[in-house]
Amino acid sequence: MAVSIRLRREGTKNRPYYRIVVADSHSPRDGKFIEILGTYDPKQTGQNSSFSVERAEYWISKGAQPSDTVRSLIKKQKKTVTAEPASEAERESSESAEGSSSPSAEPAS
């Protein structure tokens, strides 16, 4: 069975909304699927997709072929996931630096 990771269209006319699904490549676009990985909203600006990169990598390791759009979404999601821990570490280091550099209360005499 050839498995692909692709978009499944939902939403109304002129308001598309997609689910990222793992499906047999022979099933129709909006037909039967194996697993839902997440969502993608092309009309939304900024962070417009949310899905499990770990599950996508699992399926790719099992031989699933992502569509071109899903491949680019995975790449963007990986980039944001790796950027978030770095920014959190920067915040923590700046908070700890502020806490240690702050003057203490009056010295005891």
PDB file of N, CA and C in Angstrom:
ATOM      1  N   MET A   1       0.854  -1.175   0.000  1.00  0.00           N
ATOM      2  CA  MET A   1       0.000   0.000   0.000  1.00  0.00           C
ATOM      3  C   MET A   1       0.897   1.234   0.000  1.00  0.00           C
ATOM      4  N   ALA A   2       0.723   2.132  -0.965  1.00  0.00           N
ATOM      5  CA  ALA A   2       1.471   3.383  -1.043  1.00  0.00           C
ATOM      6  C   ALA A   2       0.781   4.411  -0.154  1.00  0.00           C
ATOM      7  N   VAL A   3       1.521   4.942   0.805  1.00  0.00           N
ATOM      8  CA  VAL A   3       0.965   5.881   1.774  1.00  0.00           C
ATOM      9  C   VAL A   3       1.525   7.266   1.495  1.00  0.00           C
ATOM     10  N   SER A   4       0.665   8.288   1.596  1.00  0.00           N
ATOM     11  CA  SER A   4       1.110   9.658   1.397  1.00  0.00           C
ATOM     12  C   SER A   4       0.604  10.533   2.540  1.00  0.00           C
ATOM     13  N   ILE A   5       1.346  11.599   2.782  1.00  0.00           N
ATOM     14  CA  ILE A   5       0.931  12.615   3.749  1.00  0.00           C
ATOM     15  C   ILE A   5       0.499  13.799   2.916  1.00  0.00           C
ATOM     16  N   ARG A   6      -0.769  14.182   3.030  1.00  0.00           N
ATOM     17  CA  ARG A   6      -1.309  15.221   2.163  1.00  0.00           C
ATOM     18  C   ARG A   6      -2.375  16.035   2.877  1.00  0.00           C
ATOM     19  N   LEU A   7      -2.902  17.031   2.163  1.00  0.00           N
ATOM     20  CA  LEU A   7      -3.930  17.899   2.716  1.00  0.00           C
ATOM     21  C   LEU A   7      -5.312  17.374   2.358  1.00  0.00           C
ATOM     22  N   ARG A   8      -6.217  17.487   3.306  1.00  0.00           N
ATOM     23  CA  ARG A   8      -7.620  17.127   3.092  1.00  0.00           C
ATOM     24  C   ARG A   8      -8.429  18.400   3.262  1.00  0.00           C
ATOM     25  N   ARG A   9      -9.134  18.817   2.216  1.00  0.00           N
ATOM     26  CA  ARG A   9      -9.825  20.104   2.254  1.00  0.00           C
ATOM     27  C   ARG A   9     -11.112  20.022   3.053  1.00  0.00           C
ATOM     28  N   GLU A  10     -11.282  21.020   3.897  1.00  0.00           N
ATOM     29  CA  GLU A  10     -12.521  21.198   4.647  1.00  0.00           C
ATOM     30  C   GLU A  10     -12.858  22.673   4.600  1.00  0.00           C
ATOM     31  N   GLY A  11     -13.915  23.080   5.253  1.00  0.00           N
ATOM     32  CA  GLY A  11     -14.320  24.475   5.218  1.00  0.00           C
ATOM     33  C   GLY A  11     -15.356  24.716   4.147  1.00  0.00           C
ATOM     34  N   THR A  12     -15.694  25.982   3.972  1.00  0.00           N
ATOM     35  CA  THR A  12     -16.739  26.339   3.025  1.00  0.00           C
ATOM     36  C   THR A  12     -16.149  26.959   1.763  1.00  0.00           C
ATOM     37  N   LYS A  13     -17.028  27.322   0.859  1.00  0.00           N
ATOM     38  CA  LYS A  13     -16.606  27.955  -0.387  1.00  0.00           C
ATOM     39  C   LYS A  13     -15.880  29.271  -0.076  1.00  0.00           C
ATOM     40  N   ASN A  14     -14.748  29.482  -0.710  1.00  0.00           N
ATOM     41  CA  ASN A  14     -13.900  30.662  -0.515  1.00  0.00           C
ATOM     42  C   ASN A  14     -13.336  30.786   0.898  1.00  0.00           C
ATOM     43  N   ARG A  15     -13.431  29.759   1.700  1.00  0.00           N
ATOM     44  CA  ARG A  15     -12.873  29.751   3.053  1.00  0.00           C
ATOM     45  C   ARG A  15     -12.249  28.378   3.308  1.00  0.00           C
ATOM     46  N   PRO A  16     -11.150  28.065   2.590  1.00  0.00           N
ATOM     47  CA  PRO A  16     -10.564  26.734   2.730  1.00  0.00           C
ATOM     48  C   PRO A  16      -9.871  26.544   4.071  1.00  0.00           C
ATOM     49  N   TYR A  17      -9.919  25.330   4.536  1.00  0.00           N
ATOM     50  CA  TYR A  17      -9.291  24.912   5.779  1.00  0.00           C
ATOM     51  C   TYR A  17      -8.851  23.474   5.546  1.00  0.00           C
ATOM     52  N   TYR A  18      -7.631  23.148   5.886  1.00  0.00           N
ATOM     53  CA  TYR A  18      -7.120  21.830   5.563  1.00  0.00           C
ATOM     54  C   TYR A  18      -6.710  21.055   6.804  1.00  0.00           C
ATOM     55  N   ARG A  19      -6.860  19.752   6.733  1.00  0.00           N
ATOM     56  CA  ARG A  19      -6.307  18.839   7.726  1.00  0.00           C
ATOM     57  C   ARG A  19      -5.145  18.109   7.062  1.00  0.00           C
ATOM     58  N   ILE A  20      -4.061  17.958   7.793  1.00  0.00           N
ATOM     59  CA  ILE A  20      -2.915  17.211   7.285  1.00  0.00           C
ATOM     60  C   ILE A  20      -3.144  15.760   7.696  1.00  0.00           C
ATOM     61  N   VAL A  21      -3.275  14.880   6.708  1.00  0.00           N
ATOM     62  CA  VAL A  21      -3.621  13.487   6.976  1.00  0.00           C
ATOM     63  C   VAL A  21      -2.630  12.533   6.332  1.00  0.00           C
ATOM     64  N   VAL A  22      -2.571  11.342   6.902  1.00  0.00           N
ATOM     65  CA  VAL A  22      -1.846  10.222   6.307  1.00  0.00           C
ATOM     66  C   VAL A  22      -2.914   9.358   5.656  1.00  0.00           C
ATOM     67  N   ALA A  23      -2.762   9.113   4.353  1.00  0.00           N
ATOM     68  CA  ALA A  23      -3.796   8.371   3.631  1.00  0.00           C
ATOM     69  C   ALA A  23      -3.160   7.478   2.573  1.00  0.00           C
ATOM     70  N   ASP A  24      -3.923   6.471   2.177  1.00  0.00           N
ATOM     71  CA  ASP A  24      -3.521   5.645   1.042  1.00  0.00           C
ATOM     72  C   ASP A  24      -3.552   6.535  -0.197  1.00  0.00           C
ATOM     73  N   SER A  25      -2.540   6.432  -1.026  1.00  0.00           N
ATOM     74  CA  SER A  25      -2.453   7.323  -2.183  1.00  0.00           C
ATOM     75  C   SER A  25      -3.560   7.077  -3.203  1.00  0.00           C
ATOM     76  N   HIS A  26      -4.233   5.942  -3.133  1.00  0.00           N
ATOM     77  CA  HIS A  26      -5.311   5.634  -4.073  1.00  0.00           C
ATOM     78  C   HIS A  26      -6.661   6.148  -3.610  1.00  0.00           C
ATOM     79  N   SER A  27      -6.794   6.543  -2.348  1.00  0.00           N
ATOM     80  CA  SER A  27      -8.076   7.049  -1.859  1.00  0.00           C
ATOM     81  C   SER A  27      -8.255   8.498  -2.296  1.00  0.00           C
ATOM     82  N   PRO A  28      -9.507   8.953  -2.450  1.00  0.00           N
ATOM     83  CA  PRO A  28      -9.746  10.321  -2.918  1.00  0.00           C
ATOM     84  C   PRO A  28      -9.267  11.376  -1.918  1.00  0.00           C
ATOM     85  N   ARG A  29      -9.140  12.630  -2.407  1.00  0.00           N
ATOM     86  CA  ARG A  29      -8.598  13.726  -1.597  1.00  0.00           C
ATOM     87  C   ARG A  29      -9.314  13.877  -0.257  1.00  0.00           C
ATOM     88  N   ASP A  30     -10.631  13.875  -0.267  1.00  0.00           N
ATOM     89  CA  ASP A  30     -11.400  14.059   0.954  1.00  0.00           C
ATOM     90  C   ASP A  30     -11.978  12.744   1.459  1.00  0.00           C
ATOM     91  N   GLY A  31     -11.406  11.636   1.025  1.00  0.00           N
ATOM     92  CA  GLY A  31     -11.918  10.324   1.392  1.00  0.00           C
ATOM     93  C   GLY A  31     -11.265   9.739   2.631  1.00  0.00           C
ATOM     94  N   LYS A  32     -11.191   8.415   2.624  1.00  0.00           N
ATOM     95  CA  LYS A  32     -10.683   7.656   3.766  1.00  0.00           C
ATOM     96  C   LYS A  32      -9.223   8.005   4.050  1.00  0.00           C
ATOM     97  N   PHE A  33      -8.875   8.071   5.349  1.00  0.00           N
ATOM     98  CA  PHE A  33      -7.510   8.353   5.742  1.00  0.00           C
ATOM     99  C   PHE A  33      -7.108   7.449   6.900  1.00  0.00           C
ATOM    100  N   ILE A  34      -5.817   7.412   7.201  1.00  0.00           N
ATOM    101  CA  ILE A  34      -5.294   6.558   8.265  1.00  0.00           C
ATOM    102  C   ILE A  34      -5.194   7.327   9.575  1.00  0.00           C
ATOM    103  N   GLU A  35      -4.632   8.535   9.520  1.00  0.00           N
ATOM    104  CA  GLU A  35      -4.414   9.325  10.733  1.00  0.00           C
ATOM    105  C   GLU A  35      -4.420  10.816  10.398  1.00  0.00           C
ATOM    106  N   ILE A  36      -4.964  11.623  11.320  1.00  0.00           N
ATOM    107  CA  ILE A  36      -4.911  13.081  11.199  1.00  0.00           C
ATOM    108  C   ILE A  36      -3.694  13.565  11.978  1.00  0.00           C
ATOM    109  N   LEU A  37      -2.814  14.306  11.312  1.00  0.00           N
ATOM    110  CA  LEU A  37      -1.613  14.815  11.965  1.00  0.00           C
ATOM    111  C   LEU A  37      -1.791  16.231  12.495  1.00  0.00           C
ATOM    112  N   GLY A  38      -2.624  17.020  11.842  1.00  0.00           N
ATOM    113  CA  GLY A  38      -2.820  18.400  12.289  1.00  0.00           C
ATOM    114  C   GLY A  38      -3.651  19.193  11.310  1.00  0.00           C
ATOM    115  N   THR A  39      -3.496  20.540  11.375  1.00  0.00           N
ATOM    116  CA  THR A  39      -4.297  21.424  10.556  1.00  0.00           C
ATOM    117  C   THR A  39      -3.432  22.470   9.859  1.00  0.00           C
ATOM    118  N   TYR A  40      -4.003  23.069   8.814  1.00  0.00           N
ATOM    119  CA  TYR A  40      -3.359  24.139   8.061  1.00  0.00           C
ATOM    120  C   TYR A  40      -4.430  25.098   7.575  1.00  0.00           C
ATOM    121  N   ASP A  41      -4.282  26.384   7.899  1.00  0.00           N
ATOM    122  CA  ASP A  41      -5.232  27.409   7.475  1.00  0.00           C
ATOM    123  C   ASP A  41      -4.492  28.432   6.623  1.00  0.00           C
ATOM    124  N   PRO A  42      -4.611  28.355   5.291  1.00  0.00           N
ATOM    125  CA  PRO A  42      -3.856  29.256   4.416  1.00  0.00           C
ATOM    126  C   PRO A  42      -4.303  30.715   4.490  1.00  0.00           C
ATOM    127  N   LYS A  43      -5.507  30.979   4.961  1.00  0.00           N
ATOM    128  CA  LYS A  43      -6.013  32.355   5.043  1.00  0.00           C
ATOM    129  C   LYS A  43      -5.454  33.098   6.258  1.00  0.00           C
ATOM    130  N   GLN A  44      -4.985  32.364   7.245  1.00  0.00           N
ATOM    131  CA  GLN A  44      -4.457  32.964   8.467  1.00  0.00           C
ATOM    132  C   GLN A  44      -3.009  33.405   8.236  1.00  0.00           C
ATOM    133  N   THR A  45      -2.644  34.560   8.784  1.00  0.00           N
ATOM    134  CA  THR A  45      -1.271  35.038   8.641  1.00  0.00           C
ATOM    135  C   THR A  45      -0.433  34.568   9.820  1.00  0.00           C
ATOM    136  N   GLY A  46       0.869  34.559   9.646  1.00  0.00           N
ATOM    137  CA  GLY A  46       1.763  34.137  10.720  1.00  0.00           C
ATOM    138  C   GLY A  46       1.782  32.625  10.858  1.00  0.00           C
ATOM    139  N   GLN A  47       1.672  32.136  12.077  1.00  0.00           N
ATOM    140  CA  GLN A  47       1.678  30.707  12.363  1.00  0.00           C
ATOM    141  C   GLN A  47       0.331  30.132  11.931  1.00  0.00           C
ATOM    142  N   ASN A  48       0.270  29.538  10.742  1.00  0.00           N
ATOM    143  CA  ASN A  48      -1.008  29.081  10.202  1.00  0.00           C
ATOM    144  C   ASN A  48      -1.138  27.565  10.143  1.00  0.00           C
ATOM    145  N   SER A  49      -0.214  26.837  10.766  1.00  0.00           N
ATOM    146  CA  SER A  49      -0.340  25.384  10.792  1.00  0.00           C
ATOM    147  C   SER A  49       0.041  24.865  12.170  1.00  0.00           C
ATOM    148  N   SER A  50      -0.599  23.786  12.553  1.00  0.00           N
ATOM    149  CA  SER A  50      -0.242  23.126  13.808  1.00  0.00           C
ATOM    150  C   SER A  50      -0.426  21.626  13.605  1.00  0.00           C
ATOM    151  N   PHE A  51       0.661  20.905  13.783  1.00  0.00           N
ATOM    152  CA  PHE A  51       0.601  19.459  13.628  1.00  0.00           C
ATOM    153  C   PHE A  51       1.797  18.828  14.313  1.00  0.00           C
ATOM    154  N   SER A  52       1.760  17.518  14.433  1.00  0.00           N
ATOM    155  CA  SER A  52       2.801  16.762  15.107  1.00  0.00           C
ATOM    156  C   SER A  52       3.914  16.418  14.123  1.00  0.00           C
ATOM    157  N   VAL A  53       5.051  17.100  14.256  1.00  0.00           N
ATOM    158  CA  VAL A  53       6.197  16.833  13.394  1.00  0.00           C
ATOM    159  C   VAL A  53       6.745  15.432  13.676  1.00  0.00           C
ATOM    160  N   GLU A  54       6.682  15.002  14.943  1.00  0.00           N
ATOM    161  CA  GLU A  54       7.179  13.675  15.313  1.00  0.00           C
ATOM    162  C   GLU A  54       6.412  12.577  14.582  1.00  0.00           C
ATOM    163  N   ARG A  55       5.085  12.717  14.519  1.00  0.00           N
ATOM    164  CA  ARG A  55       4.277  11.710  13.827  1.00  0.00           C
ATOM    165  C   ARG A  55       4.542  11.748  12.319  1.00  0.00           C
ATOM    166  N   ALA A  56       4.741  12.947  11.772  1.00  0.00           N
ATOM    167  CA  ALA A  56       5.054  13.056  10.346  1.00  0.00           C
ATOM    168  C   ALA A  56       6.384  12.377  10.045  1.00  0.00           C
ATOM    169  N   GLU A  57       7.386  12.595  10.891  1.00  0.00           N
ATOM    170  CA  GLU A  57       8.682  11.946  10.696  1.00  0.00           C
ATOM    171  C   GLU A  57       8.568  10.429  10.846  1.00  0.00           C
ATOM    172  N   TYR A  58       7.708   9.979  11.775  1.00  0.00           N
ATOM    173  CA  TYR A  58       7.477   8.542  11.940  1.00  0.00           C
ATOM    174  C   TYR A  58       6.936   7.945  10.641  1.00  0.00           C
ATOM    175  N   TRP A  59       5.920   8.585  10.064  1.00  0.00           N
ATOM    176  CA  TRP A  59       5.317   8.062   8.842  1.00  0.00           C
ATOM    177  C   TRP A  59       6.281   8.123   7.665  1.00  0.00           C
ATOM    178  N   ILE A  60       7.094   9.172   7.604  1.00  0.00           N
ATOM    179  CA  ILE A  60       8.090   9.273   6.537  1.00  0.00           C
ATOM    180  C   ILE A  60       9.114   8.160   6.673  1.00  0.00           C
ATOM    181  N   SER A  61       9.491   7.834   7.929  1.00  0.00           N
ATOM    182  CA  SER A  61      10.441   6.734   8.142  1.00  0.00           C
ATOM    183  C   SER A  61       9.845   5.388   7.741  1.00  0.00           C
ATOM    184  N   LYS A  62       8.523   5.282   7.762  1.00  0.00           N
ATOM    185  CA  LYS A  62       7.839   4.053   7.347  1.00  0.00           C
ATOM    186  C   LYS A  62       7.585   4.010   5.844  1.00  0.00           C
ATOM    187  N   GLY A  63       7.966   5.072   5.107  1.00  0.00           N
ATOM    188  CA  GLY A  63       7.831   5.067   3.662  1.00  0.00           C
ATOM    189  C   GLY A  63       6.768   5.985   3.094  1.00  0.00           C
ATOM    190  N   ALA A  64       6.096   6.767   3.932  1.00  0.00           N
ATOM    191  CA  ALA A  64       5.075   7.682   3.424  1.00  0.00           C
ATOM    192  C   ALA A  64       5.731   8.826   2.669  1.00  0.00           C
ATOM    193  N   GLN A  65       5.096   9.246   1.581  1.00  0.00           N
ATOM    194  CA  GLN A  65       5.608  10.335   0.760  1.00  0.00           C
ATOM    195  C   GLN A  65       4.781  11.595   1.011  1.00  0.00           C
ATOM    196  N   PRO A  66       5.391  12.664   1.561  1.00  0.00           N
ATOM    197  CA  PRO A  66       4.629  13.899   1.766  1.00  0.00           C
ATOM    198  C   PRO A  66       4.436  14.653   0.452  1.00  0.00           C
ATOM    199  N   SER A  67       3.312  15.350   0.332  1.00  0.00           N
ATOM    200  CA  SER A  67       3.092  16.197  -0.845  1.00  0.00           C
ATOM    201  C   SER A  67       4.028  17.399  -0.749  1.00  0.00           C
ATOM    202  N   ASP A  68       4.140  18.155  -1.826  1.00  0.00           N
ATOM    203  CA  ASP A  68       5.034  19.308  -1.837  1.00  0.00           C
ATOM    204  C   ASP A  68       4.657  20.323  -0.757  1.00  0.00           C
ATOM    205  N   THR A  69       3.364  20.602  -0.628  1.00  0.00           N
ATOM    206  CA  THR A  69       2.902  21.571   0.371  1.00  0.00           C
ATOM    207  C   THR A  69       3.183  21.076   1.781  1.00  0.00           C
ATOM    208  N   VAL A  70       2.906  19.819   2.043  1.00  0.00           N
ATOM    209  CA  VAL A  70       3.143  19.262   3.373  1.00  0.00           C
ATOM    210  C   VAL A  70       4.638  19.253   3.678  1.00  0.00           C
ATOM    211  N   ARG A  71       5.457  18.960   2.687  1.00  0.00           N
ATOM    212  CA  ARG A  71       6.908  18.972   2.887  1.00  0.00           C
ATOM    213  C   ARG A  71       7.375  20.360   3.329  1.00  0.00           C
ATOM    214  N   SER A  72       6.848  21.418   2.691  1.00  0.00           N
ATOM    215  CA  SER A  72       7.241  22.776   3.074  1.00  0.00           C
ATOM    216  C   SER A  72       6.694  23.147   4.456  1.00  0.00           C
ATOM    217  N   LEU A  73       5.493  22.662   4.790  1.00  0.00           N
ATOM    218  CA  LEU A  73       4.943  22.918   6.121  1.00  0.00           C
ATOM    219  C   LEU A  73       5.779  22.234   7.210  1.00  0.00           C
ATOM    220  N   ILE A  74       6.243  21.023   6.940  1.00  0.00           N
ATOM    221  CA  ILE A  74       7.094  20.310   7.899  1.00  0.00           C
ATOM    222  C   ILE A  74       8.385  21.094   8.113  1.00  0.00           C
ATOM    223  N   LYS A  75       8.956  21.590   7.018  1.00  0.00           N
ATOM    224  CA  LYS A  75      10.201  22.356   7.117  1.00  0.00           C
ATOM    225  C   LYS A  75       9.997  23.616   7.961  1.00  0.00           C
ATOM    226  N   LYS A  76       8.887  24.347   7.729  1.00  0.00           N
ATOM    227  CA  LYS A  76       8.588  25.559   8.496  1.00  0.00           C
ATOM    228  C   LYS A  76       8.348  25.230   9.965  1.00  0.00           C
ATOM    229  N   GLN A  77       7.619  24.140  10.224  1.00  0.00           N
ATOM    230  CA  GLN A  77       7.304  23.745  11.601  1.00  0.00           C
ATOM    231  C   GLN A  77       8.581  23.380  12.361  1.00  0.00           C
ATOM    232  N   LYS A  78       9.498  22.670  11.703  1.00  0.00           N
ATOM    233  CA  LYS A  78      10.766  22.319  12.335  1.00  0.00           C
ATOM    234  C   LYS A  78      11.561  23.572  12.681  1.00  0.00           C
ATOM    235  N   LYS A  79      11.531  24.559  11.772  1.00  0.00           N
ATOM    236  CA  LYS A  79      12.269  25.798  11.992  1.00  0.00           C
ATOM    237  C   LYS A  79      11.723  26.544  13.208  1.00  0.00           C
ATOM    238  N   THR A  80      10.389  26.602  13.368  1.00  0.00           N
ATOM    239  CA  THR A  80       9.799  27.303  14.504  1.00  0.00           C
ATOM    240  C   THR A  80      10.011  26.537  15.798  1.00  0.00           C
ATOM    241  N   VAL A  81       9.998  25.212  15.726  1.00  0.00           N
ATOM    242  CA  VAL A  81      10.209  24.404  16.931  1.00  0.00           C
ATOM    243  C   VAL A  81      11.640  24.573  17.437  1.00  0.00           C
ATOM    244  N   THR A  82      12.620  24.620  16.542  1.00  0.00           N
ATOM    245  CA  THR A  82      14.006  24.794  16.971  1.00  0.00           C
ATOM    246  C   THR A  82      14.272  26.221  17.418  1.00  0.00           C
ATOM    247  N   ALA A  83      13.527  27.207  16.913  1.00  0.00           N
ATOM    248  CA  ALA A  83      13.720  28.593  17.321  1.00  0.00           C
ATOM    249  C   ALA A  83      13.117  28.859  18.697  1.00  0.00           C
ATOM    250  N   GLU A  84      12.017  28.203  19.046  1.00  0.00           N
ATOM    251  CA  GLU A  84      11.365  28.438  20.332  1.00  0.00           C
ATOM    252  C   GLU A  84      12.231  28.062  21.531  1.00  0.00           C
ATOM    253  N   PRO A  85      12.862  26.870  21.579  1.00  0.00           N
ATOM    254  CA  PRO A  85      13.691  26.556  22.743  1.00  0.00           C
ATOM    255  C   PRO A  85      14.860  27.521  22.902  1.00  0.00           C
ATOM    256  N   ALA A  86      15.437  28.008  21.815  1.00  0.00           N
ATOM    257  CA  ALA A  86      16.537  28.958  21.898  1.00  0.00           C
ATOM    258  C   ALA A  86      16.059  30.264  22.519  1.00  0.00           C
ATOM    259  N   SER A  87      14.890  30.738  22.114  1.00  0.00           N
ATOM    260  CA  SER A  87      14.378  31.988  22.674  1.00  0.00           C
ATOM    261  C   SER A  87      14.001  31.808  24.139  1.00  0.00           C
ATOM    262  N   GLU A  88      13.497  30.636  24.519  1.00  0.00           N
ATOM    263  CA  GLU A  88      13.187  30.369  25.921  1.00  0.00           C
ATOM    264  C   GLU A  88      14.461  30.352  26.755  1.00  0.00           C
ATOM    265  N   ALA A  89      15.529  29.766  26.231  1.00  0.00           N
ATOM    266  CA  ALA A  89      16.798  29.733  26.953  1.00  0.00           C
ATOM    267  C   ALA A  89      17.350  31.142  27.122  1.00  0.00           C
ATOM    268  N   GLU A  90      17.196  31.986  26.113  1.00  0.00           N
ATOM    269  CA  GLU A  90      17.642  33.368  26.219  1.00  0.00           C
ATOM    270  C   GLU A  90      16.861  34.104  27.292  1.00  0.00           C
ATOM    271  N   ARG A  91      15.548  33.876  27.349  1.00  0.00           N
ATOM    272  CA  ARG A  91      14.729  34.526  28.374  1.00  0.00           C
ATOM    273  C   ARG A  91      15.149  34.090  29.764  1.00  0.00           C
ATOM    274  N   GLU A  92      15.365  32.787  29.943  1.00  0.00           N
ATOM    275  CA  GLU A  92      15.756  32.277  31.256  1.00  0.00           C
ATOM    276  C   GLU A  92      17.107  32.835  31.682  1.00  0.00           C
ATOM    277  N   SER A  93      18.064  32.899  30.756  1.00  0.00           N
ATOM    278  CA  SER A  93      19.379  33.419  31.112  1.00  0.00           C
ATOM    279  C   SER A  93      19.306  34.909  31.440  1.00  0.00           C
ATOM    280  N   SER A  94      18.464  35.665  30.720  1.00  0.00           N
ATOM    281  CA  SER A  94      18.343  37.096  31.016  1.00  0.00           C
ATOM    282  C   SER A  94      17.629  37.312  32.347  1.00  0.00           C
ATOM    283  N   GLU A  95      16.648  36.456  32.672  1.00  0.00           N
ATOM    284  CA  GLU A  95      15.961  36.571  33.956  1.00  0.00           C
ATOM    285  C   GLU A  95      16.885  36.245  35.110  1.00  0.00           C
ATOM    286  N   SER A  96      17.710  35.212  34.948  1.00  0.00           N
ATOM    287  CA  SER A  96      18.627  34.846  36.023  1.00  0.00           C
ATOM    288  C   SER A  96      19.711  35.909  36.174  1.00  0.00           C
ATOM    289  N   ALA A  97      20.135  36.524  35.100  1.00  0.00           N
ATOM    290  CA  ALA A  97      21.132  37.595  35.170  1.00  0.00           C
ATOM    291  C   ALA A  97      20.538  38.813  35.869  1.00  0.00           C
ATOM    292  N   GLU A  98      19.290  39.126  35.600  1.00  0.00           N
ATOM    293  CA  GLU A  98      18.638  40.238  36.262  1.00  0.00           C
ATOM    294  C   GLU A  98      18.467  39.973  37.750  1.00  0.00           C
ATOM    295  N   GLY A  99      18.134  38.751  38.085  1.00  0.00           N
ATOM    296  CA  GLY A  99      17.933  38.386  39.496  1.00  0.00           C
ATOM    297  C   GLY A  99      19.228  38.450  40.286  1.00  0.00           C
ATOM    298  N   SER A 100      20.353  38.034  39.706  1.00  0.00           N
ATOM    299  CA  SER A 100      21.612  38.039  40.442  1.00  0.00           C
ATOM    300  C   SER A 100      22.233  39.417  40.482  1.00  0.00           C
ATOM    301  N   SER A 101      21.955  40.274  39.494  1.00  0.00           N
ATOM    302  CA  SER A 101      22.561  41.600  39.461  1.00  0.00           C
ATOM    303  C   SER A 101      21.761  42.625  40.235  1.00  0.00           C
ATOM    304  N   SER A 102      20.562  42.266  40.687  1.00  0.00           N
ATOM    305  CA  SER A 102      19.755  43.232  41.417  1.00  0.00           C
ATOM    306  C   SER A 102      20.360  43.460  42.800  1.00  0.00           C
ATOM    307  N   PRO A 103      20.354  44.694  43.258  1.00  0.00           N
ATOM    308  CA  PRO A 103      20.937  44.984  44.580  1.00  0.00           C
ATOM    309  C   PRO A 103      20.128  44.311  45.674  1.00  0.00           C
ATOM    310  N   SER A 104      20.827  43.795  46.651  1.00  0.00           N
ATOM    311  CA  SER A 104      20.146  43.131  47.753  1.00  0.00           C
ATOM    312  C   SER A 104      19.649  44.180  48.738  1.00  0.00           C
ATOM    313  N   ALA A 105      18.870  43.754  49.689  1.00  0.00           N
ATOM    314  CA  ALA A 105      18.347  44.660  50.706  1.00  0.00           C
ATOM    315  C   ALA A 105      19.505  45.247  51.499  1.00  0.00           C
ATOM    316  N   GLU A 106      19.189  46.169  52.371  1.00  0.00           N
ATOM    317  CA  GLU A 106      20.251  46.828  53.140  1.00  0.00           C
ATOM    318  C   GLU A 106      21.100  45.819  53.856  1.00  0.00           C
ATOM    319  N   PRO A 107      22.423  46.027  53.850  1.00  0.00           N
ATOM    320  CA  PRO A 107      23.299  45.083  54.539  1.00  0.00           C
ATOM    321  C   PRO A 107      23.035  45.093  56.041  1.00  0.00           C
ATOM    322  N   ALA A 108      23.146  43.938  56.652  1.00  0.00           N
ATOM    323  CA  ALA A 108      22.903  43.826  58.095  1.00  0.00           C
ATOM    324  C   ALA A 108      24.085  44.409  58.836  1.00  0.00           C
ATOM    325  N   SER A 109      23.823  45.214  59.889  1.00  0.00           N
ATOM    326  CA  SER A 109      24.904  45.794  60.669  1.00  0.00           C
ATOM    327  C   SER A 109      24.907  45.301  62.072  1.00  0.00           C
TER     328      SER A 109
END
